[in-house]
Amino acid sequence: MEELGDIMASLTQPGLGGAVLLVTGGTSGIGLSTARHLLESGAHVVITGRSQSRLEEASEKLLPVSDHGTRLLTSQADAADLGDMDTLMARIAERYGHLNGFFANAGSGIFKTMDETEEADFDELVSVNFKGVFFAVKKALPLLRAAGGGSIVLNASWTMHRGMVTAPIYAATKAAVHNLARSLGVDLAPEGIRLNSVSPGFIHTPMYDTFAPDEADRAATVAAVPAGHTGTAEDVAHAVGFLLSPQSSYIIGQDIGIDGGLVMATPR
């Protein structure tokens, strides 16, 4: 019978041991699962969140895989607040002096049609999902350069590939996020800094519960997925871990869909 340590080792991402990695929006869902996967792979992980209490809850959940917290740093930060991002990068610089990788995961989801969308909704989505991602990447660059290069993964969405009547602004910001991966990927490649994105489909997270709050909604989403079920946050975490690792060193400006076939095909 395999020992627990052997089983855990088989689930880790090779090449991430000792790396310093940042995950914004790391208190729940995809961000929390990614932080756990990276810690299990031996990395030092920094997570952010808007709420201090949620950061503390996340820290407790990650304690068993973070060498009792010695490889985990938490920092309260709003991804859309440039001052918060300055403070975050200063903390990372003080503790580690560099950054090997960054998962720009923090985002906001408002699911309204065009007629329902107010200016405040528009401003929040663009500020968090687009402006916040752009400037977080910009502010992380000195730390990545200090490491001699690294990898950045942006969290896009399956909605960047298809129009979405019930969330046109959300979908547009996610399309913008992937285009950043393409544009900045070309810009920064000569420095050894790679940019790629992931596009999760229907992943069972708190945001999914907002999008599909009742059984009828969930049944409708599952019916659209050739795989026949929603994905898990761990499905995304493993893809992010691969893109952050040296195993993906020749991949630049690409998007990996983790959607059970949602974008590529229509089920029977």
Protein backbone atom coordinates (compact mmCIF):
# COMPACT_ATOMS: atom_id res chain seq x y z
CA MET A 1 0.00 0.00 0.00
CA GLU A 2 1.35 3.41 -0.97
CA GLU A 3 2.29 5.76 1.84
CA LEU A 4 0.41 9.07 1.96
CA GLY A 5 3.64 10.93 1.14
CA ASP A 6 4.09 8.87 -2.04
CA ILE A 7 0.52 9.57 -3.11
CA MET A 8 0.93 13.31 -2.51
CA ALA A 9 4.22 13.34 -4.39
CA SER A 10 2.50 11.88 -7.44
CA LEU A 11 0.07 14.81 -7.45
CA THR A 12 2.66 17.58 -7.22
CA GLN A 13 4.00 19.72 -10.04
CA PRO A 14 7.65 18.96 -10.88
CA GLY A 15 9.99 21.92 -10.96
CA LEU A 16 8.15 24.15 -8.48
CA GLY A 17 10.04 23.20 -5.33
CA GLY A 18 11.41 26.34 -3.71
CA ALA A 19 9.75 28.69 -6.22
CA VAL A 20 8.10 31.88 -4.93
CA LEU A 21 4.62 32.15 -6.43
CA LEU A 22 1.80 34.68 -6.07
CA VAL A 23 -1.91 33.86 -6.31
CA THR A 24 -4.31 36.80 -6.18
CA GLY A 25 -7.84 36.02 -5.03
CA GLY A 26 -6.53 33.01 -3.17
CA THR A 27 -9.11 32.67 -0.42
CA SER A 28 -11.64 30.40 -2.15
CA GLY A 29 -12.49 28.44 -5.26
CA ILE A 30 -9.87 28.23 -7.99
CA GLY A 31 -7.42 30.51 -6.17
CA LEU A 32 -7.46 28.49 -2.96
CA SER A 33 -7.16 25.16 -4.77
CA THR A 34 -4.26 26.50 -6.84
CA ALA A 35 -2.48 27.75 -3.72
CA ARG A 36 -2.88 24.31 -2.15
CA HIS A 37 -1.53 22.55 -5.25
CA LEU A 38 1.49 24.86 -5.43
CA LEU A 39 2.24 24.39 -1.74
CA GLU A 40 1.98 20.61 -2.15
CA SER A 41 4.53 20.98 -4.95
CA GLY A 42 7.02 22.55 -2.53
CA ALA A 43 6.62 26.20 -3.52
CA HIS A 44 6.48 29.27 -1.31
CA VAL A 45 3.07 30.81 -1.95
CA VAL A 46 1.67 34.31 -1.42
CA ILE A 47 -2.11 34.66 -1.49
CA THR A 48 -4.25 37.79 -1.44
CA GLY A 49 -7.88 38.54 -0.68
CA ARG A 50 -10.06 41.54 0.06
CA SER A 51 -11.20 40.20 3.43
CA GLN A 52 -8.79 39.64 6.31
CA SER A 53 -11.14 37.13 7.94
CA ARG A 54 -11.32 35.06 4.74
CA LEU A 55 -7.54 35.21 4.45
CA GLU A 56 -7.27 33.82 7.96
CA GLU A 57 -9.74 31.03 7.11
CA ALA A 58 -7.76 30.17 3.98
CA SER A 59 -4.52 30.17 5.95
CA GLU A 60 -5.98 27.64 8.38
CA LYS A 61 -7.02 25.38 5.49
CA LEU A 62 -3.55 25.58 3.95
CA LEU A 63 -1.65 25.08 7.20
CA PRO A 64 -1.18 21.29 6.80
CA VAL A 65 0.51 21.65 3.38
CA SER A 66 2.56 24.79 4.05
CA ASP A 67 5.00 23.48 6.65
CA HIS A 68 2.87 25.03 9.38
CA GLY A 69 2.66 28.31 7.48
CA THR A 70 6.39 28.80 6.92
CA ARG A 71 5.91 28.66 3.13
CA LEU A 72 2.74 30.76 3.10
CA LEU A 73 2.38 34.54 3.14
CA THR A 74 -1.05 36.21 3.19
CA SER A 75 -1.68 39.84 2.29
CA GLN A 76 -4.98 41.70 2.36
CA ALA A 77 -5.29 43.44 -0.99
CA ASP A 78 -7.91 44.57 -3.49
CA ALA A 79 -6.69 43.68 -6.99
CA ALA A 80 -8.24 46.87 -8.37
CA ASP A 81 -6.47 49.11 -5.84
CA LEU A 82 -3.06 50.06 -7.19
CA GLY A 83 -1.90 51.18 -3.74
CA ASP A 84 -2.73 47.74 -2.35
CA MET A 85 -0.71 46.18 -5.17
CA ASP A 86 2.27 48.40 -4.32
CA THR A 87 2.07 47.28 -0.69
CA LEU A 88 1.78 43.63 -1.72
CA MET A 89 4.85 43.75 -3.97
CA ALA A 90 6.82 45.54 -1.26
CA ARG A 91 5.99 42.75 1.20
CA ILE A 92 7.06 40.09 -1.27
CA ALA A 93 10.28 41.99 -1.98
CA GLU A 94 11.04 42.30 1.73
CA ARG A 95 10.46 38.63 2.47
CA TYR A 96 11.75 36.93 -0.69
CA GLY A 97 13.43 39.53 -2.90
CA HIS A 98 11.98 38.02 -6.06
CA LEU A 99 9.03 36.23 -7.64
CA ASN A 100 9.17 33.17 -9.90
CA GLY A 101 5.53 33.07 -10.96
CA PHE A 102 2.19 34.81 -10.68
CA PHE A 103 -1.38 33.52 -11.12
CA ALA A 104 -3.55 36.60 -11.69
CA ASN A 105 -6.74 34.97 -10.51
CA ALA A 106 -8.63 37.74 -8.68
CA GLY A 107 -11.76 38.72 -10.56
CA SER A 108 -15.35 39.79 -10.23
CA GLY A 109 -18.46 38.23 -11.73
CA ILE A 110 -21.62 40.23 -12.43
CA PHE A 111 -24.10 38.36 -14.59
CA LYS A 112 -26.58 40.81 -16.11
CA THR A 113 -27.91 41.48 -19.57
CA MET A 114 -27.15 44.74 -21.35
CA ASP A 115 -30.49 46.23 -20.28
CA GLU A 116 -29.83 45.30 -16.65
CA THR A 117 -26.24 46.54 -16.53
CA GLU A 118 -25.62 49.81 -14.71
CA GLU A 119 -22.55 52.03 -14.98
CA ALA A 120 -21.39 50.85 -11.54
CA ASP A 121 -21.47 47.23 -12.76
CA PHE A 122 -19.44 48.16 -15.83
CA ASP A 123 -16.89 50.08 -13.78
CA GLU A 124 -16.41 47.26 -11.26
CA LEU A 125 -15.90 44.56 -13.88
CA VAL A 126 -13.48 46.60 -15.96
CA SER A 127 -11.62 47.82 -12.88
CA VAL A 128 -11.13 44.38 -11.31
CA ASN A 129 -11.04 42.03 -14.29
CA PHE A 130 -9.05 44.15 -16.74
CA LYS A 131 -7.37 47.18 -15.18
CA GLY A 132 -6.52 45.24 -12.03
CA VAL A 133 -4.92 42.40 -13.99
CA PHE A 134 -2.90 44.73 -16.23
CA PHE A 135 -1.43 46.76 -13.39
CA ALA A 136 -0.86 43.75 -11.13
CA VAL A 137 1.27 42.24 -13.89
CA LYS A 138 3.09 45.53 -14.39
CA LYS A 139 3.84 45.88 -10.68
CA ALA A 140 5.02 42.25 -10.42
CA LEU A 141 7.56 42.62 -13.22
CA PRO A 142 10.47 43.99 -11.11
CA LEU A 143 10.23 40.94 -8.85
CA LEU A 144 10.11 38.55 -11.82
CA ARG A 145 13.06 40.34 -13.39
CA ALA A 146 14.94 39.97 -10.11
CA ALA A 147 14.50 36.20 -10.49
CA GLY A 148 15.84 36.32 -14.04
CA GLY A 149 12.45 35.52 -15.56
CA GLY A 150 9.36 33.53 -14.70
CA SER A 151 5.82 32.68 -15.67
CA ILE A 152 2.55 34.59 -15.42
CA VAL A 153 -0.85 32.94 -15.84
CA LEU A 154 -3.98 35.04 -16.28
CA ASN A 155 -7.41 33.67 -15.39
CA ALA A 156 -9.64 34.26 -18.41
CA SER A 157 -12.87 32.33 -19.06
CA TRP A 158 -14.63 30.16 -21.61
CA THR A 159 -16.82 33.22 -22.25
CA MET A 160 -13.97 34.87 -24.16
CA HIS A 161 -14.61 32.35 -26.95
CA ARG A 162 -18.40 32.76 -27.14
CA GLY A 163 -20.81 35.65 -26.75
CA MET A 164 -22.84 35.64 -23.55
CA VAL A 165 -26.17 37.46 -23.47
CA THR A 166 -26.41 37.30 -19.70
CA ALA A 167 -22.93 38.73 -19.06
CA PRO A 168 -21.62 40.79 -21.99
CA ILE A 169 -19.27 42.98 -19.93
CA TYR A 170 -17.87 40.05 -17.95
CA ALA A 171 -17.22 38.13 -21.17
CA ALA A 172 -15.59 41.16 -22.79
CA THR A 173 -13.20 41.69 -19.87
CA LYS A 174 -12.14 38.05 -20.03
CA ALA A 175 -11.44 38.33 -23.75
CA ALA A 176 -9.31 41.37 -22.94
CA VAL A 177 -7.41 39.38 -20.33
CA HIS A 178 -6.36 36.73 -22.82
CA ASN A 179 -5.32 39.35 -25.36
CA LEU A 180 -3.03 40.72 -22.66
CA ALA A 181 -1.44 37.27 -22.45
CA ARG A 182 -0.77 37.41 -26.18
CA SER A 183 0.44 41.01 -26.34
CA LEU A 184 2.50 41.05 -23.15
CA GLY A 185 3.72 37.54 -23.84
CA VAL A 186 5.42 38.76 -27.00
CA ASP A 187 6.67 41.90 -25.24
CA LEU A 188 8.25 40.10 -22.29
CA ALA A 189 9.46 36.87 -23.92
CA PRO A 190 12.97 38.24 -24.57
CA GLU A 191 13.33 38.72 -20.80
CA GLY A 192 12.42 35.11 -20.08
CA ILE A 193 8.99 36.06 -18.73
CA ARG A 194 6.18 33.96 -20.18
CA LEU A 195 2.48 34.88 -20.21
CA ASN A 196 -0.39 32.49 -20.85
CA SER A 197 -4.00 32.23 -19.78
CA VAL A 198 -6.45 29.56 -18.67
CA SER A 199 -10.14 29.55 -19.57
CA PRO A 200 -12.20 27.61 -17.03
CA GLY A 201 -15.65 26.46 -18.05
CA PHE A 202 -18.38 25.61 -15.57
CA ILE A 203 -16.27 25.00 -12.47
CA HIS A 204 -17.98 24.31 -9.16
CA THR A 205 -16.95 27.39 -7.18
CA PRO A 206 -18.76 30.15 -5.25
CA MET A 207 -18.90 32.19 -8.49
CA TYR A 208 -20.57 29.27 -10.27
CA ASP A 209 -23.18 29.16 -7.51
CA THR A 210 -23.94 32.83 -8.24
CA PHE A 211 -24.23 32.15 -11.97
CA ALA A 212 -26.35 29.01 -11.52
CA PRO A 213 -28.16 29.40 -8.19
CA ASP A 214 -30.79 26.66 -8.57
CA GLU A 215 -31.03 23.08 -9.81
CA ALA A 216 -32.61 24.05 -13.14
CA ASP A 217 -29.75 26.43 -13.90
CA ARG A 218 -27.16 23.82 -12.98
CA ALA A 219 -28.85 21.16 -15.08
CA ALA A 220 -28.82 23.54 -18.05
CA THR A 221 -25.10 24.22 -17.69
CA VAL A 222 -24.25 20.54 -17.37
CA ALA A 223 -26.34 19.74 -20.45
CA ALA A 224 -24.10 22.08 -22.47
CA VAL A 225 -20.90 20.26 -21.46
CA PRO A 226 -19.85 17.23 -23.52
CA ALA A 227 -18.09 15.77 -20.48
CA GLY A 228 -21.49 15.64 -18.75
CA HIS A 229 -20.50 17.32 -15.50
CA THR A 230 -19.05 20.51 -14.05
CA GLY A 231 -15.34 20.75 -13.39
CA THR A 232 -13.54 21.18 -10.10
CA ALA A 233 -11.22 23.91 -8.90
CA GLU A 234 -8.48 21.26 -8.75
CA ASP A 235 -8.84 20.71 -12.51
CA VAL A 236 -7.85 24.34 -13.05
CA ALA A 237 -5.16 24.28 -10.36
CA HIS A 238 -3.24 21.51 -12.10
CA ALA A 239 -3.31 23.36 -15.43
CA VAL A 240 -2.06 26.54 -13.74
CA GLY A 241 0.68 24.58 -11.99
CA PHE A 242 1.84 23.23 -15.35
CA LEU A 243 1.96 26.71 -16.91
CA LEU A 244 3.89 28.09 -13.93
CA SER A 245 6.42 25.26 -14.05
CA PRO A 246 9.52 24.82 -16.24
CA GLN A 247 7.64 22.00 -18.01
CA SER A 248 5.83 24.66 -20.06
CA SER A 249 8.93 26.69 -20.88
CA TYR A 250 8.17 26.81 -24.63
CA ILE A 251 4.55 27.91 -24.28
CA ILE A 252 3.88 31.64 -24.70
CA GLY A 253 0.68 33.59 -25.38
CA GLN A 254 -1.56 30.53 -25.34
CA ASP A 255 -4.87 29.77 -23.68
CA ILE A 256 -5.70 26.43 -22.10
CA GLY A 257 -9.41 25.66 -21.90
CA ILE A 258 -10.49 23.64 -18.87
CA ASP A 259 -14.13 23.28 -19.80
CA GLY A 260 -15.05 19.66 -20.48
CA GLY A 261 -15.43 20.41 -24.19
CA LEU A 262 -17.91 23.26 -23.67
CA VAL A 263 -16.37 25.60 -26.24
CA MET A 264 -15.19 23.06 -28.79
CA ALA A 265 -18.29 20.93 -29.28
CA THR A 266 -22.03 20.57 -28.75
CA PRO A 267 -23.10 17.43 -26.90
CA ARG A 268 -25.51 14.93 -28.44
